């Protein structure tokens, strides 16, 4: 027989486990893209491919700026660094940015060394693309930026510590594969902000930032 104190401990542990389950349900882990071959692929680096989603690409350079250190910093650290602009945030105004042709995504941008470039566009999901019925399919955005990228979708950078987070840096010239939807609908809109990074950062190489690939893959 359990004593009263033991019963309280058991109930407390059960309550903690239950609340943890609820917290997990409220914050789902980032989705992982299918590993099977796609049913249909659209190349966003072509005019026809971007036009299928009504996409207009814009770009600008991100700058490193000195700012005051955070309040929790050790006493000897008076300043730190930030980037401008923070173009991944929801509602960001890119109306002053230059528009580029989708084919120009392959052009090397930036001055090399420690260099960051923003790319932004909106994708509107069509009902059909040619003979392909896009509705109710799983749509995966696949991007490979020279050399790294972080991908914001609708003002969010999906990530979870210690878990696969496809929107964050995946590796040196490795693709980001972000599940946009597991059941697309015509008219679904996705605001994309891609933060391109020259790397390896500590090596500061004389490279530029450009897209190796940019496409939407559909799976059924």
N, C-alpha and C. Protein backbone atom coordinates (compact mmCIF):
# COMPACT_ATOMS: atom_id res chain seq x y z
N UNK A 1 0.85 -1.20 0.00
CA UNK A 1 0.00 0.00 0.00
C UNK A 1 0.89 1.25 0.00
N UNK A 2 0.51 2.26 -0.84
CA UNK A 2 1.27 3.50 -0.90
C UNK A 2 0.87 4.41 0.24
N UNK A 3 1.86 5.06 0.88
CA UNK A 3 1.56 6.07 1.88
C UNK A 3 1.09 7.35 1.21
N UNK A 4 0.53 8.26 2.02
CA UNK A 4 -0.01 9.50 1.46
C UNK A 4 1.07 10.30 0.73
N UNK A 5 2.26 10.35 1.33
CA UNK A 5 3.34 11.09 0.69
C UNK A 5 3.73 10.50 -0.65
N UNK A 6 3.74 9.16 -0.73
CA UNK A 6 4.08 8.49 -1.98
C UNK A 6 3.02 8.73 -3.03
N UNK A 7 1.76 8.74 -2.59
CA UNK A 7 0.66 9.00 -3.53
C UNK A 7 0.80 10.39 -4.13
N UNK A 8 1.13 11.36 -3.26
CA UNK A 8 1.31 12.74 -3.76
C UNK A 8 2.42 12.81 -4.80
N UNK A 9 3.53 12.10 -4.56
CA UNK A 9 4.64 12.11 -5.52
C UNK A 9 4.25 11.49 -6.84
N UNK A 10 3.49 10.39 -6.79
CA UNK A 10 3.05 9.73 -8.02
C UNK A 10 2.13 10.64 -8.81
N UNK A 11 1.19 11.28 -8.10
CA UNK A 11 0.26 12.19 -8.79
C UNK A 11 0.99 13.38 -9.38
N UNK A 12 1.98 13.91 -8.66
CA UNK A 12 2.75 15.04 -9.17
C UNK A 12 3.53 14.67 -10.42
N UNK A 13 4.12 13.46 -10.41
CA UNK A 13 4.87 13.00 -11.58
C UNK A 13 3.95 12.81 -12.77
N UNK A 14 2.76 12.25 -12.51
CA UNK A 14 1.80 12.04 -13.60
C UNK A 14 1.34 13.37 -14.18
N UNK A 15 1.10 14.35 -13.29
CA UNK A 15 0.68 15.67 -13.76
C UNK A 15 1.76 16.33 -14.60
N UNK A 16 3.02 16.19 -14.17
CA UNK A 16 4.13 16.77 -14.93
C UNK A 16 4.26 16.13 -16.30
N UNK A 17 4.11 14.82 -16.36
CA UNK A 17 4.19 14.11 -17.64
C UNK A 17 3.06 14.53 -18.55
N UNK A 18 1.86 14.71 -17.97
CA UNK A 18 0.70 15.11 -18.77
C UNK A 18 0.87 16.52 -19.32
N UNK A 19 1.37 17.44 -18.47
CA UNK A 19 1.58 18.81 -18.93
C UNK A 19 2.65 18.86 -20.00
N UNK A 20 3.68 17.98 -19.88
CA UNK A 20 4.71 17.93 -20.92
C UNK A 20 4.15 17.46 -22.23
N UNK A 21 3.19 16.51 -22.17
CA UNK A 21 2.55 16.03 -23.38
C UNK A 21 1.77 17.14 -24.05
N UNK A 22 1.07 17.94 -23.26
CA UNK A 22 0.31 19.06 -23.80
C UNK A 22 1.23 20.07 -24.45
N UNK A 23 2.37 20.39 -23.77
CA UNK A 23 3.31 21.36 -24.32
C UNK A 23 3.86 20.89 -25.65
N UNK A 24 4.16 19.58 -25.75
CA UNK A 24 4.67 19.04 -27.00
C UNK A 24 3.64 19.14 -28.11
N UNK A 25 2.38 18.90 -27.76
CA UNK A 25 1.31 18.97 -28.76
C UNK A 25 1.13 20.39 -29.26
N UNK A 26 1.38 21.38 -28.38
CA UNK A 26 1.20 22.77 -28.78
C UNK A 26 2.37 23.27 -29.63
N UNK A 27 3.51 22.64 -29.55
CA UNK A 27 4.68 23.06 -30.31
C UNK A 27 5.23 21.88 -31.10
N UNK A 28 4.59 21.55 -32.25
CA UNK A 28 5.04 20.39 -33.02
C UNK A 28 6.44 20.59 -33.56
N UNK A 29 7.16 19.49 -33.71
CA UNK A 29 8.50 19.55 -34.24
C UNK A 29 8.47 19.91 -35.72
N UNK A 30 9.54 20.55 -36.25
CA UNK A 30 9.58 20.84 -37.68
C UNK A 30 9.41 19.57 -38.51
N UNK A 31 8.59 19.65 -39.55
CA UNK A 31 8.34 18.48 -40.39
C UNK A 31 9.58 18.13 -41.20
N UNK A 32 9.77 16.84 -41.43
CA UNK A 32 10.88 16.34 -42.24
C UNK A 32 10.35 15.94 -43.61
N UNK A 33 11.02 16.39 -44.66
CA UNK A 33 10.56 16.13 -46.03
C UNK A 33 10.67 14.65 -46.38
N UNK A 34 9.78 14.18 -47.26
CA UNK A 34 9.87 12.78 -47.72
C UNK A 34 11.21 12.51 -48.40
N UNK A 35 11.68 11.27 -48.29
CA UNK A 35 12.94 10.89 -48.92
C UNK A 35 12.73 10.18 -50.25
N UNK A 36 11.47 9.90 -50.62
CA UNK A 36 11.16 9.26 -51.89
C UNK A 36 11.28 10.26 -53.04
N UNK A 37 11.43 9.79 -54.26
CA UNK A 37 11.46 10.70 -55.41
C UNK A 37 10.14 11.48 -55.52
N UNK A 38 10.19 12.76 -55.86
CA UNK A 38 8.97 13.55 -55.96
C UNK A 38 8.12 13.13 -57.17
N UNK A 39 6.83 13.42 -57.06
CA UNK A 39 5.91 13.16 -58.17
C UNK A 39 6.05 14.22 -59.25
N UNK A 40 6.32 15.46 -58.83
CA UNK A 40 6.39 16.58 -59.77
C UNK A 40 7.31 17.63 -59.18
N UNK A 41 8.09 18.29 -60.05
CA UNK A 41 9.07 19.28 -59.60
C UNK A 41 8.94 20.56 -60.43
N UNK A 42 8.99 21.71 -59.76
CA UNK A 42 8.98 23.00 -60.44
C UNK A 42 10.27 23.74 -60.10
N UNK A 43 11.00 24.16 -61.12
CA UNK A 43 12.27 24.86 -60.95
C UNK A 43 12.00 26.36 -60.80
N UNK A 44 12.24 26.90 -59.60
CA UNK A 44 12.00 28.31 -59.34
C UNK A 44 13.07 29.22 -59.93
N UNK A 45 14.14 28.65 -60.46
CA UNK A 45 15.20 29.44 -61.07
C UNK A 45 14.94 29.68 -62.56
N UNK A 46 13.75 29.33 -63.00
CA UNK A 46 13.32 29.64 -64.37
C UNK A 46 12.14 30.61 -64.30
N UNK A 47 11.95 31.38 -65.34
CA UNK A 47 10.82 32.32 -65.37
C UNK A 47 9.50 31.58 -65.32
N UNK A 48 9.41 30.48 -66.05
CA UNK A 48 8.16 29.71 -66.07
C UNK A 48 7.86 29.12 -64.69
N UNK A 49 8.90 28.61 -64.04
CA UNK A 49 8.70 28.00 -62.73
C UNK A 49 8.24 29.00 -61.69
N UNK A 50 8.91 30.14 -61.60
CA UNK A 50 8.50 31.16 -60.64
C UNK A 50 7.12 31.72 -60.98
N UNK A 51 6.84 31.88 -62.28
CA UNK A 51 5.54 32.41 -62.69
C UNK A 51 4.40 31.50 -62.29
N UNK A 52 4.64 30.20 -62.20
CA UNK A 52 3.60 29.26 -61.79
C UNK A 52 3.08 29.57 -60.40
N UNK A 53 3.92 30.20 -59.56
CA UNK A 53 3.53 30.54 -58.19
C UNK A 53 3.35 32.05 -58.01
N UNK A 54 3.44 32.81 -59.12
CA UNK A 54 3.34 34.27 -59.02
C UNK A 54 4.48 34.88 -58.24
N UNK A 55 5.65 34.24 -58.29
CA UNK A 55 6.79 34.66 -57.46
C UNK A 55 7.57 35.79 -58.12
N UNK A 56 7.87 36.81 -57.34
CA UNK A 56 8.74 37.90 -57.77
C UNK A 56 9.88 37.99 -56.76
N UNK A 57 11.09 37.76 -57.21
CA UNK A 57 12.24 37.69 -56.32
C UNK A 57 12.85 39.07 -56.10
N UNK A 58 13.22 39.35 -54.83
CA UNK A 58 13.91 40.58 -54.47
C UNK A 58 15.13 40.22 -53.63
N UNK A 59 16.12 41.11 -53.62
CA UNK A 59 17.34 40.81 -52.87
C UNK A 59 17.99 42.07 -52.35
N UNK A 60 18.75 41.91 -51.25
CA UNK A 60 19.57 42.99 -50.73
C UNK A 60 20.66 42.38 -49.87
N UNK A 61 21.72 43.14 -49.65
CA UNK A 61 22.81 42.68 -48.79
C UNK A 61 22.46 42.94 -47.33
N UNK A 62 22.83 42.01 -46.46
CA UNK A 62 22.70 42.21 -45.02
C UNK A 62 24.03 42.72 -44.47
N UNK A 63 23.96 43.70 -43.60
CA UNK A 63 25.15 44.31 -43.03
C UNK A 63 25.34 43.88 -41.58
N UNK A 64 26.59 43.81 -41.15
CA UNK A 64 26.93 43.56 -39.75
C UNK A 64 27.10 44.91 -39.07
N UNK A 65 26.39 45.12 -37.96
CA UNK A 65 26.44 46.41 -37.25
C UNK A 65 26.78 46.17 -35.79
N UNK A 66 27.50 47.11 -35.19
CA UNK A 66 27.86 47.02 -33.78
C UNK A 66 26.70 47.55 -32.94
N UNK A 67 26.37 46.82 -31.87
CA UNK A 67 25.27 47.19 -30.97
C UNK A 67 25.70 46.94 -29.53
N UNK A 68 24.98 47.50 -28.55
CA UNK A 68 25.32 47.22 -27.14
C UNK A 68 25.17 45.74 -26.82
N UNK A 69 25.99 45.25 -25.92
CA UNK A 69 25.92 43.85 -25.49
C UNK A 69 24.62 43.60 -24.73
N UNK A 70 24.21 42.34 -24.69
CA UNK A 70 23.01 41.97 -23.95
C UNK A 70 23.25 42.17 -22.44
N UNK A 71 22.17 42.30 -21.70
CA UNK A 71 22.28 42.60 -20.27
C UNK A 71 22.97 41.49 -19.49
N UNK A 72 22.88 40.24 -19.97
CA UNK A 72 23.48 39.11 -19.27
C UNK A 72 24.96 38.92 -19.60
N UNK A 73 25.53 39.76 -20.45
CA UNK A 73 26.92 39.59 -20.87
C UNK A 73 27.89 39.84 -19.71
N UNK A 74 29.03 39.16 -19.75
CA UNK A 74 30.09 39.40 -18.76
C UNK A 74 30.56 40.85 -18.87
N UNK A 75 31.08 41.39 -17.77
CA UNK A 75 31.38 42.82 -17.67
C UNK A 75 32.32 43.33 -18.77
N UNK A 76 33.26 42.47 -19.20
CA UNK A 76 34.23 42.94 -20.20
C UNK A 76 33.65 43.07 -21.61
N UNK A 77 32.44 42.54 -21.82
CA UNK A 77 31.83 42.61 -23.15
C UNK A 77 30.83 43.77 -23.19
N UNK A 78 31.26 44.88 -23.73
CA UNK A 78 30.44 46.08 -23.76
C UNK A 78 29.57 46.16 -25.02
N UNK A 79 30.08 45.62 -26.11
CA UNK A 79 29.34 45.67 -27.37
C UNK A 79 29.32 44.28 -28.01
N UNK A 80 28.44 44.14 -28.99
CA UNK A 80 28.37 42.90 -29.78
C UNK A 80 27.93 43.28 -31.19
N UNK A 81 27.46 42.30 -31.96
CA UNK A 81 27.12 42.58 -33.35
C UNK A 81 25.75 42.01 -33.71
N UNK A 82 25.09 42.68 -34.61
CA UNK A 82 23.79 42.28 -35.10
C UNK A 82 23.81 42.39 -36.62
N UNK A 83 22.73 41.93 -37.24
CA UNK A 83 22.61 42.11 -38.70
C UNK A 83 21.47 43.07 -38.99
N UNK A 84 21.59 43.78 -40.10
CA UNK A 84 20.52 44.64 -40.60
C UNK A 84 20.41 44.44 -42.11
N UNK A 85 19.18 44.26 -42.62
CA UNK A 85 17.91 44.22 -41.89
C UNK A 85 17.59 42.81 -41.39
N UNK A 86 16.60 42.71 -40.49
CA UNK A 86 16.04 41.41 -40.09
C UNK A 86 14.85 41.13 -41.00
N UNK A 87 15.15 40.68 -42.19
CA UNK A 87 14.14 40.60 -43.25
C UNK A 87 13.29 39.34 -43.20
N UNK A 88 13.53 38.47 -42.22
CA UNK A 88 12.70 37.28 -42.11
C UNK A 88 11.42 37.52 -41.34
N UNK A 89 11.34 38.63 -40.64
CA UNK A 89 10.22 38.88 -39.76
C UNK A 89 8.93 39.14 -40.53
N UNK A 90 7.81 38.74 -39.93
CA UNK A 90 6.50 38.94 -40.55
C UNK A 90 6.22 40.43 -40.70
N UNK A 91 5.70 40.81 -41.85
CA UNK A 91 5.35 42.20 -42.09
C UNK A 91 6.51 43.07 -42.54
N UNK A 92 7.68 42.47 -42.77
CA UNK A 92 8.83 43.25 -43.21
C UNK A 92 8.54 43.89 -44.57
N UNK A 93 8.93 45.15 -44.72
CA UNK A 93 8.67 45.91 -45.94
C UNK A 93 9.89 45.84 -46.86
N UNK A 94 9.75 45.10 -47.98
CA UNK A 94 10.85 45.00 -48.94
C UNK A 94 10.54 45.77 -50.23
N UNK A 95 9.62 46.74 -50.14
CA UNK A 95 9.17 47.45 -51.34
C UNK A 95 10.29 48.23 -52.03
N UNK A 96 11.33 48.60 -51.28
CA UNK A 96 12.44 49.37 -51.87
C UNK A 96 13.53 48.47 -52.44
N UNK A 97 13.43 47.16 -52.25
CA UNK A 97 14.46 46.25 -52.75
C UNK A 97 14.35 46.09 -54.27
N UNK A 98 15.47 45.90 -54.94
CA UNK A 98 15.41 45.64 -56.38
C UNK A 98 14.84 44.26 -56.70
N UNK A 99 14.09 44.20 -57.78
CA UNK A 99 13.54 42.93 -58.28
C UNK A 99 14.56 42.28 -59.20
N UNK A 100 14.73 40.96 -59.08
CA UNK A 100 15.66 40.26 -59.95
C UNK A 100 14.92 39.17 -60.72
N UNK A 101 15.44 38.85 -61.88
CA UNK A 101 14.89 37.76 -62.69
C UNK A 101 15.19 36.42 -61.99
N UNK A 102 14.28 35.46 -62.06
CA UNK A 102 14.56 34.16 -61.43
C UNK A 102 15.86 33.52 -61.89
N UNK A 103 16.22 33.73 -63.15
CA UNK A 103 17.47 33.16 -63.66
C UNK A 103 18.69 33.80 -62.99
N UNK A 104 18.52 35.01 -62.43
CA UNK A 104 19.62 35.71 -61.78
C UNK A 104 19.87 35.22 -60.36
N UNK A 105 19.08 34.26 -59.89
CA UNK A 105 19.37 33.65 -58.60
C UNK A 105 20.71 32.91 -58.63
N UNK A 106 21.14 32.54 -59.82
CA UNK A 106 22.41 31.84 -59.97
C UNK A 106 23.61 32.79 -60.03
N UNK A 107 23.35 34.10 -60.02
CA UNK A 107 24.45 35.07 -60.08
C UNK A 107 25.09 35.24 -58.71
N UNK A 108 26.42 35.29 -58.67
CA UNK A 108 27.14 35.47 -57.42
C UNK A 108 26.97 36.87 -56.87
N UNK A 109 26.52 36.99 -55.62
CA UNK A 109 26.29 38.29 -55.00
C UNK A 109 27.15 38.45 -53.75
N UNK A 110 27.37 39.69 -53.38
CA UNK A 110 28.19 39.99 -52.22
C UNK A 110 29.65 40.16 -52.60
N UNK A 111 30.41 40.70 -51.66
CA UNK A 111 31.82 40.98 -51.92
C UNK A 111 32.78 39.91 -51.45
N UNK A 112 32.23 38.73 -51.07
CA UNK A 112 33.09 37.65 -50.58
C UNK A 112 33.44 37.84 -49.11
N UNK A 113 34.31 36.97 -48.62
CA UNK A 113 34.73 36.97 -47.21
C UNK A 113 33.51 36.73 -46.31
N UNK A 114 33.28 37.57 -45.31
CA UNK A 114 32.11 37.45 -44.43
C UNK A 114 30.97 38.21 -45.10
N UNK A 115 30.06 37.47 -45.70
CA UNK A 115 29.06 38.09 -46.56
C UNK A 115 27.71 37.40 -46.39
N UNK A 116 26.66 38.22 -46.32
CA UNK A 116 25.29 37.71 -46.14
C UNK A 116 24.36 38.42 -47.12
N UNK A 117 23.49 37.66 -47.75
CA UNK A 117 22.56 38.19 -48.74
C UNK A 117 21.14 37.70 -48.42
N UNK A 118 20.18 38.61 -48.42
CA UNK A 118 18.77 38.25 -48.27
C UNK A 118 18.11 38.09 -49.65
N UNK A 119 17.23 37.09 -49.76
CA UNK A 119 16.37 36.92 -50.92
C UNK A 119 14.94 36.75 -50.39
N UNK A 120 14.00 37.44 -51.01
CA UNK A 120 12.60 37.33 -50.57
C UNK A 120 11.66 37.14 -51.76
N UNK A 121 10.59 36.39 -51.53
CA UNK A 121 9.54 36.24 -52.54
C UNK A 121 8.29 35.68 -51.86
N UNK A 122 7.19 35.69 -52.58
CA UNK A 122 5.95 35.06 -52.13
C UNK A 122 5.56 33.98 -53.13
N UNK A 123 5.17 32.82 -52.62
CA UNK A 123 4.66 31.74 -53.45
C UNK A 123 3.16 31.59 -53.18
N UNK A 124 2.37 31.61 -54.24
CA UNK A 124 0.94 31.33 -54.13
C UNK A 124 0.66 30.01 -54.82
N UNK A 125 0.12 29.06 -54.07
CA UNK A 125 -0.05 27.71 -54.59
C UNK A 125 -1.16 27.68 -55.64
N UNK A 126 -0.86 27.19 -56.86
CA UNK A 126 -1.90 27.08 -57.89
C UNK A 126 -2.67 25.76 -57.73
N UNK A 127 -3.82 25.70 -58.39
CA UNK A 127 -4.59 24.45 -58.38
C UNK A 127 -3.93 23.42 -59.29
N UNK A 128 -3.40 23.90 -60.42
CA UNK A 128 -2.74 23.02 -61.37
C UNK A 128 -1.48 23.69 -61.90
N UNK A 129 -0.50 22.88 -62.25
CA UNK A 129 0.69 23.35 -62.93
C UNK A 129 0.85 22.47 -64.17
N UNK A 130 0.51 23.02 -65.32
CA UNK A 130 0.47 22.18 -66.52
C UNK A 130 -0.59 21.11 -66.35
N UNK A 131 -0.19 19.86 -66.50
CA UNK A 131 -1.12 18.74 -66.34
C UNK A 131 -1.13 18.17 -64.92
N UNK A 132 -0.34 18.78 -64.03
CA UNK A 132 -0.26 18.25 -62.66
C UNK A 132 -1.28 18.91 -61.76
N UNK A 133 -2.05 18.08 -61.06
CA UNK A 133 -3.02 18.55 -60.08
C UNK A 133 -2.30 18.75 -58.75
N UNK A 134 -2.10 20.03 -58.37
CA UNK A 134 -1.29 20.33 -57.18
C UNK A 134 -2.06 20.20 -55.87
N UNK A 135 -3.36 20.35 -55.90
CA UNK A 135 -4.14 20.33 -54.67
C UNK A 135 -4.01 19.01 -53.93
N UNK A 136 -3.94 19.12 -52.59
CA UNK A 136 -3.89 17.99 -51.67
C UNK A 136 -2.57 17.22 -51.71
N UNK A 137 -1.56 17.78 -52.37
CA UNK A 137 -0.25 17.14 -52.40
C UNK A 137 0.62 17.70 -51.27
N UNK A 138 1.69 17.00 -50.93
CA UNK A 138 2.70 17.53 -50.01
C UNK A 138 3.68 18.36 -50.83
N UNK A 139 3.89 19.61 -50.42
CA UNK A 139 4.78 20.52 -51.14
C UNK A 139 6.02 20.77 -50.31
N UNK A 140 7.20 20.56 -50.91
CA UNK A 140 8.48 20.74 -50.23
C UNK A 140 9.30 21.78 -50.98
N UNK A 141 9.74 22.82 -50.27
CA UNK A 141 10.64 23.81 -50.83
C UNK A 141 12.07 23.32 -50.65
N UNK A 142 12.79 23.16 -51.76
CA UNK A 142 14.18 22.69 -51.71
C UNK A 142 15.09 23.78 -52.25
N UNK A 143 15.99 24.25 -51.38
CA UNK A 143 16.92 25.31 -51.74
C UNK A 143 18.34 24.87 -51.39
N UNK A 144 19.27 25.19 -52.29
CA UNK A 144 20.68 24.94 -52.01
C UNK A 144 21.44 26.22 -52.35
N UNK A 145 21.87 26.91 -51.29
CA UNK A 145 22.55 28.19 -51.45
C UNK A 145 24.04 27.99 -51.16
N UNK A 146 24.86 28.58 -51.98
CA UNK A 146 26.31 28.57 -51.77
C UNK A 146 26.65 29.67 -50.74
N UNK A 147 26.96 29.34 -49.49
CA UNK A 147 27.37 28.04 -48.98
C UNK A 147 26.40 27.49 -47.92
N UNK A 148 25.65 28.39 -47.26
CA UNK A 148 24.66 27.99 -46.27
C UNK A 148 23.42 28.86 -46.44
N UNK A 149 22.33 28.42 -45.81
CA UNK A 149 21.12 29.27 -45.81
C UNK A 149 20.27 28.99 -44.58
N UNK A 150 19.54 30.02 -44.17
CA UNK A 150 18.45 29.90 -43.20
C UNK A 150 17.20 30.39 -43.92
N UNK A 151 16.09 29.67 -43.74
CA UNK A 151 14.90 29.93 -44.54
C UNK A 151 13.72 30.25 -43.63
N UNK A 152 13.24 31.48 -43.71
CA UNK A 152 12.07 31.92 -42.96
C UNK A 152 10.82 31.73 -43.83
N UNK A 153 9.77 31.18 -43.23
CA UNK A 153 8.50 30.95 -43.94
C UNK A 153 7.39 31.63 -43.15
N UNK A 154 6.72 32.57 -43.79
CA UNK A 154 5.63 33.31 -43.14
C UNK A 154 6.06 33.90 -41.80
N UNK A 155 7.26 34.49 -41.79
CA UNK A 155 7.75 35.18 -40.60
C UNK A 155 8.30 34.29 -39.51
N UNK A 156 8.51 33.02 -39.80
CA UNK A 156 8.97 32.08 -38.78
C UNK A 156 10.17 31.29 -39.31
N UNK A 157 11.11 31.01 -38.41
CA UNK A 157 12.25 30.14 -38.72
C UNK A 157 12.06 28.87 -37.91
N UNK A 158 11.37 27.85 -38.46
CA UNK A 158 11.03 26.65 -37.66
C UNK A 158 12.29 25.93 -37.20
N UNK A 159 12.38 25.70 -35.88
CA UNK A 159 13.57 25.04 -35.34
C UNK A 159 13.27 24.47 -33.96
N UNK A 160 14.02 23.45 -33.61
CA UNK A 160 13.88 22.80 -32.31
C UNK A 160 15.26 22.29 -31.91
N UNK A 161 15.80 22.70 -30.75
CA UNK A 161 17.14 22.25 -30.34
C UNK A 161 17.24 20.73 -30.28
N UNK A 162 18.30 20.19 -30.85
CA UNK A 162 18.54 18.75 -30.79
C UNK A 162 17.68 17.93 -31.72
N UNK A 163 16.92 18.58 -32.59
CA UNK A 163 16.03 17.88 -33.52
C UNK A 163 16.31 18.33 -34.95
N UNK A 164 15.99 17.52 -35.95
CA UNK A 164 16.13 17.98 -37.34
C UNK A 164 15.31 19.26 -37.56
N UNK A 165 15.96 20.29 -38.05
CA UNK A 165 15.31 21.58 -38.30
C UNK A 165 15.71 22.04 -39.70
N UNK A 166 14.97 21.60 -40.73
CA UNK A 166 15.39 21.82 -42.12
C UNK A 166 15.52 23.28 -42.54
N UNK A 167 14.90 24.21 -41.81
CA UNK A 167 15.00 25.61 -42.19
C UNK A 167 16.31 26.25 -41.76
N UNK A 168 17.04 25.60 -40.88
CA UNK A 168 18.32 26.14 -40.40
C UNK A 168 19.47 25.58 -41.24
N UNK A 169 20.70 26.02 -40.96
CA UNK A 169 21.87 25.57 -41.72
C UNK A 169 21.97 24.04 -41.67
N UNK A 170 22.06 23.41 -42.83
CA UNK A 170 22.09 21.95 -42.93
C UNK A 170 23.49 21.39 -43.12
N UNK A 171 24.43 22.25 -43.51
CA UNK A 171 25.79 21.79 -43.78
C UNK A 171 26.37 22.54 -44.95
N UNK A 172 27.63 22.33 -45.22
CA UNK A 172 28.34 23.06 -46.27
C UNK A 172 27.79 22.69 -47.64
N UNK A 173 27.09 23.65 -48.27
CA UNK A 173 26.46 23.44 -49.58
C UNK A 173 25.50 22.25 -49.58
N UNK A 174 24.79 22.09 -48.48
CA UNK A 174 23.75 21.07 -48.36
C UNK A 174 22.38 21.75 -48.49
N UNK A 175 21.40 21.07 -49.11
CA UNK A 175 20.10 21.71 -49.34
C UNK A 175 19.26 21.82 -48.08
N UNK A 176 18.47 22.88 -48.02
CA UNK A 176 17.38 23.00 -47.06
C UNK A 176 16.12 22.45 -47.73
N UNK A 177 15.41 21.56 -47.05
CA UNK A 177 14.18 20.98 -47.61
C UNK A 177 13.07 21.19 -46.58
N UNK A 178 12.24 22.19 -46.84
CA UNK A 178 11.21 22.61 -45.89
C UNK A 178 9.83 22.20 -46.40
N UNK A 179 9.09 21.49 -45.56
CA UNK A 179 7.72 21.11 -45.92
C UNK A 179 6.83 22.35 -45.78
N UNK A 180 6.33 22.83 -46.91
CA UNK A 180 5.43 23.98 -46.90
C UNK A 180 4.03 23.57 -46.45
N UNK A 181 3.58 22.41 -46.93
CA UNK A 181 2.25 21.92 -46.59
C UNK A 181 2.18 20.43 -46.89
N UNK A 182 1.44 19.70 -46.06
CA UNK A 182 1.24 18.27 -46.33
C UNK A 182 -0.08 18.01 -47.03
N UNK A 183 -0.81 19.08 -47.35
CA UNK A 183 -2.07 18.97 -48.10
C UNK A 183 -2.36 20.33 -48.71
N UNK A 184 -1.70 20.64 -49.82
CA UNK A 184 -1.80 21.97 -50.40
C UNK A 184 -3.21 22.28 -50.89
N UNK A 185 -3.52 23.56 -50.88
CA UNK A 185 -4.78 24.05 -51.42
C UNK A 185 -4.48 25.23 -52.33
N UNK A 186 -5.25 25.36 -53.40
CA UNK A 186 -5.08 26.49 -54.30
C UNK A 186 -5.29 27.78 -53.52
N UNK A 187 -4.35 28.72 -53.69
CA UNK A 187 -4.43 30.00 -52.99
C UNK A 187 -3.60 30.07 -51.73
N UNK A 188 -3.10 28.92 -51.25
CA UNK A 188 -2.20 28.95 -50.09
C UNK A 188 -1.01 29.84 -50.41
N UNK A 189 -0.64 30.71 -49.47
CA UNK A 189 0.41 31.69 -49.72
C UNK A 189 1.55 31.50 -48.73
N UNK A 190 2.77 31.53 -49.26
CA UNK A 190 3.96 31.35 -48.42
C UNK A 190 4.94 32.49 -48.70
N UNK A 191 5.21 33.24 -47.66
CA UNK A 191 6.19 34.33 -47.76
C UNK A 191 7.56 33.77 -47.39
N UNK A 192 8.49 33.85 -48.30
CA UNK A 192 9.82 33.27 -48.09
C UNK A 192 10.87 34.37 -47.93
N UNK A 193 11.76 34.17 -46.97
CA UNK A 193 12.92 35.03 -46.79
C UNK A 193 14.12 34.12 -46.58
N UNK A 194 15.04 34.14 -47.53
CA UNK A 194 16.20 33.24 -47.50
C UNK A 194 17.44 34.06 -47.16
N UNK A 195 18.10 33.66 -46.06
CA UNK A 195 19.31 34.35 -45.62
C UNK A 195 20.51 33.54 -46.10
N UNK A 196 21.14 34.01 -47.19
CA UNK A 196 22.28 33.33 -47.76
C UNK A 196 23.58 33.74 -47.07
N UNK A 197 24.43 32.74 -46.79
CA UNK A 197 25.63 32.96 -45.98
C UNK A 197 26.86 32.43 -46.72
N UNK A 198 27.87 33.27 -46.88
CA UNK A 198 29.13 32.80 -47.44
C UNK A 198 29.91 32.04 -46.37
N UNK A 199 30.54 30.94 -46.75
CA UNK A 199 31.24 30.17 -45.72
C UNK A 199 32.32 29.28 -46.32
N UNK A 200 33.02 28.54 -45.43
CA UNK A 200 32.89 28.55 -43.98
C UNK A 200 33.17 29.95 -43.39
N UNK A 201 32.36 30.34 -42.41
CA UNK A 201 32.41 31.71 -41.91
C UNK A 201 33.79 32.03 -41.32
N UNK A 202 34.36 31.13 -40.53
CA UNK A 202 35.66 31.42 -39.91
C UNK A 202 36.80 31.45 -40.92
N UNK A 203 36.58 30.84 -42.09
CA UNK A 203 37.59 30.87 -43.15
C UNK A 203 37.49 32.14 -43.99
N UNK A 204 36.30 32.79 -43.96
CA UNK A 204 36.07 34.03 -44.73
C UNK A 204 36.60 33.91 -46.15
N UNK A 205 36.10 32.96 -46.93
CA UNK A 205 36.67 32.71 -48.26
C UNK A 205 36.28 33.77 -49.28
N UNK A 206 37.05 33.89 -50.37
CA UNK A 206 36.74 34.85 -51.43
C UNK A 206 35.68 34.31 -52.38
N UNK A 207 34.53 33.92 -51.83
CA UNK A 207 33.42 33.39 -52.62
C UNK A 207 32.27 34.39 -52.64
N UNK A 208 31.25 34.08 -53.43
CA UNK A 208 30.03 34.88 -53.44
C UNK A 208 28.85 33.98 -53.04
N UNK A 209 27.69 34.61 -52.85
CA UNK A 209 26.48 33.91 -52.44
C UNK A 209 25.55 33.77 -53.64
N UNK A 210 25.11 32.54 -53.91
CA UNK A 210 24.25 32.29 -55.06
C UNK A 210 23.50 30.97 -54.86
N UNK A 211 22.44 30.80 -55.64
CA UNK A 211 21.63 29.59 -55.55
C UNK A 211 22.18 28.50 -56.48
N UNK A 212 22.41 27.34 -55.91
CA UNK A 212 22.70 26.16 -56.72
C UNK A 212 21.40 25.55 -57.25
N UNK A 213 20.35 25.59 -56.44
CA UNK A 213 19.04 25.13 -56.87
C UNK A 213 17.96 25.78 -56.02
N UNK A 214 16.79 25.91 -56.60
CA UNK A 214 15.61 26.41 -55.90
C UNK A 214 14.41 25.79 -56.60
N UNK A 215 13.66 24.97 -55.90
CA UNK A 215 12.55 24.28 -56.53
C UNK A 215 11.49 23.92 -55.50
N UNK A 216 10.30 23.64 -56.02
CA UNK A 216 9.22 23.10 -55.21
C UNK A 216 8.96 21.67 -55.69
N UNK A 217 9.03 20.74 -54.76
CA UNK A 217 8.79 19.33 -55.06
C UNK A 217 7.43 18.93 -54.50
N UNK A 218 6.67 18.18 -55.28
CA UNK A 218 5.37 17.70 -54.86
C UNK A 218 5.41 16.18 -54.68
N UNK A 219 4.76 15.72 -53.63
CA UNK A 219 4.72 14.28 -53.32
C UNK A 219 3.28 13.85 -53.11
N UNK A 220 2.99 12.64 -53.57
CA UNK A 220 1.66 12.04 -53.33
C UNK A 220 1.84 10.65 -52.75
